[in-house]
Every structure is written in C-alpha cells, then in structure tokens.
Amino acid sequence: MHTEAHIKMVADTLLPGFLPKDPNEKNLVFHFTLPPNENYKVSYLKTAKNEWVFSSSEKVER
C-alpha cells in the first residue's frame, strides 16, 4: 500500500487533467491506479481563493 503523501503527490500531478469546466464547481473526485494494481479515489475541495486543495483519499477494491 502507498503512503498518503505518495497518493497526494500523484493526485496533485494528475489534477490539471481532471479540473471541471464549470467554474462554480466546489468538489472534485477522481480515480487512478498505481502499480502494480492499486486503485485510489481522491477528493479535492475548492477554496475561497479558487485553489483546489487535496481533501482525502481511499483505496478502492475492484
């Protein structure tokens, strides 16, 4: 299992590809896979300064 810091680092790197087109959106959730086959769901919240901040992650069993 990967550490929370590693998951956040990967999620932050992937974030630009998942940004919503709607500027009013305040929550963002997306999934990704880390080798060898671990799937994660991450959540971000938009701050008052319009910055996306990592909120949480959870391992997803498939």
C-alpha atoms as a PDB file:
ATOM      1  CA  MET A   1       0.000   0.000   0.000  1.00  0.00           C
ATOM      2  CA  HIS A   2       1.175   3.510  -0.803  1.00  0.00           C
ATOM      3  CA  THR A   3       1.549   6.284   1.755  1.00  0.00           C
ATOM      4  CA  GLU A   4      -0.919   9.164   1.926  1.00  0.00           C
ATOM      5  CA  ALA A   5       1.904  11.537   0.929  1.00  0.00           C
ATOM      6  CA  HIS A   6       2.665   9.484  -2.198  1.00  0.00           C
ATOM      7  CA  ILE A   7      -1.018   9.288  -3.162  1.00  0.00           C
ATOM      8  CA  LYS A   8      -1.367  13.066  -2.714  1.00  0.00           C
ATOM      9  CA  MET A   9       1.754  13.724  -4.801  1.00  0.00           C
ATOM     10  CA  VAL A  10       0.427  11.603  -7.675  1.00  0.00           C
ATOM     11  CA  ALA A  11      -3.073  13.094  -7.378  1.00  0.00           C
ATOM     12  CA  ASP A  12      -1.663  16.649  -7.408  1.00  0.00           C
ATOM     13  CA  THR A  13       0.270  15.781 -10.572  1.00  0.00           C
ATOM     14  CA  LEU A  14      -2.863  14.398 -12.258  1.00  0.00           C
ATOM     15  CA  LEU A  15      -5.166  17.181 -11.026  1.00  0.00           C
ATOM     16  CA  PRO A  16      -4.859  19.530 -14.045  1.00  0.00           C
ATOM     17  CA  GLY A  17      -6.294  16.822 -16.315  1.00  0.00           C
ATOM     18  CA  PHE A  18      -9.398  16.474 -14.139  1.00  0.00           C
ATOM     19  CA  LEU A  19     -10.297  20.113 -13.442  1.00  0.00           C
ATOM     20  CA  PRO A  20     -14.005  20.744 -14.078  1.00  0.00           C
ATOM     21  CA  LYS A  21     -15.040  23.128 -16.814  1.00  0.00           C
ATOM     22  CA  ASP A  22     -17.720  24.658 -14.565  1.00  0.00           C
ATOM     23  CA  PRO A  23     -16.044  27.440 -12.514  1.00  0.00           C
ATOM     24  CA  ASN A  24     -18.793  27.147  -9.878  1.00  0.00           C
ATOM     25  CA  GLU A  25     -17.870  23.548  -9.042  1.00  0.00           C
ATOM     26  CA  LYS A  26     -16.598  23.244  -5.446  1.00  0.00           C
ATOM     27  CA  ASN A  27     -15.885  19.488  -5.183  1.00  0.00           C
ATOM     28  CA  LEU A  28     -13.806  17.223  -7.372  1.00  0.00           C
ATOM     29  CA  VAL A  29     -13.393  13.451  -7.180  1.00  0.00           C
ATOM     30  CA  PHE A  30     -11.367  11.217  -9.493  1.00  0.00           C
ATOM     31  CA  HIS A  31      -9.857   7.721  -9.569  1.00  0.00           C
ATOM     32  CA  PHE A  32      -6.433   6.494 -10.630  1.00  0.00           C
ATOM     33  CA  THR A  33      -4.320   3.340 -10.465  1.00  0.00           C
ATOM     34  CA  LEU A  34      -0.803   2.957  -9.075  1.00  0.00           C
ATOM     35  CA  PRO A  35       1.349  -0.046  -9.981  1.00  0.00           C
ATOM     36  CA  PRO A  36       1.125  -2.875  -9.623  1.00  0.00           C
ATOM     37  CA  ASN A  37      -2.678  -2.711  -9.350  1.00  0.00           C
ATOM     38  CA  GLU A  38      -3.838  -0.423  -6.542  1.00  0.00           C
ATOM     39  CA  ASN A  39      -6.808   1.839  -7.267  1.00  0.00           C
ATOM     40  CA  TYR A  40      -7.467   5.056  -5.381  1.00  0.00           C
ATOM     41  CA  LYS A  41     -10.272   7.606  -5.201  1.00  0.00           C
ATOM     42  CA  VAL A  42      -9.219  11.129  -4.235  1.00  0.00           C
ATOM     43  CA  SER A  43     -11.240  14.212  -3.339  1.00  0.00           C
ATOM     44  CA  TYR A  44     -10.427  17.896  -3.641  1.00  0.00           C
ATOM     45  CA  LEU A  45     -12.234  20.969  -2.356  1.00  0.00           C
ATOM     46  CA  LYS A  46     -12.064  24.443  -3.898  1.00  0.00           C
ATOM     47  CA  THR A  47     -11.048  27.238  -1.517  1.00  0.00           C
ATOM     48  CA  ALA A  48     -12.386  30.799  -1.476  1.00  0.00           C
ATOM     49  CA  LYS A  49      -9.241  31.723  -3.451  1.00  0.00           C
ATOM     50  CA  ASN A  50     -10.266  29.282  -6.222  1.00  0.00           C
ATOM     51  CA  GLU A  51      -7.465  26.845  -5.378  1.00  0.00           C
ATOM     52  CA  TRP A  52      -8.056  23.093  -5.371  1.00  0.00           C
ATOM     53  CA  VAL A  53      -6.897  21.524  -2.096  1.00  0.00           C
ATOM     54  CA  PHE A  54      -6.432  17.799  -1.515  1.00  0.00           C
ATOM     55  CA  SER A  55      -9.128  16.605   0.864  1.00  0.00           C
ATOM     56  CA  SER A  56      -8.975  12.801   1.155  1.00  0.00           C
ATOM     57  CA  SER A  57      -8.115   9.501  -0.453  1.00  0.00           C
ATOM     58  CA  GLU A  58      -9.287   5.946  -0.140  1.00  0.00           C
ATOM     59  CA  LYS A  59      -8.158   2.679  -1.619  1.00  0.00           C
ATOM     60  CA  VAL A  60     -10.770   1.158  -3.910  1.00  0.00           C
ATOM     61  CA  GLU A  61     -11.049  -2.609  -4.229  1.00  0.00           C
ATOM     62  CA  ARG A  62     -12.030  -3.826  -7.677  1.00  0.00           C
END
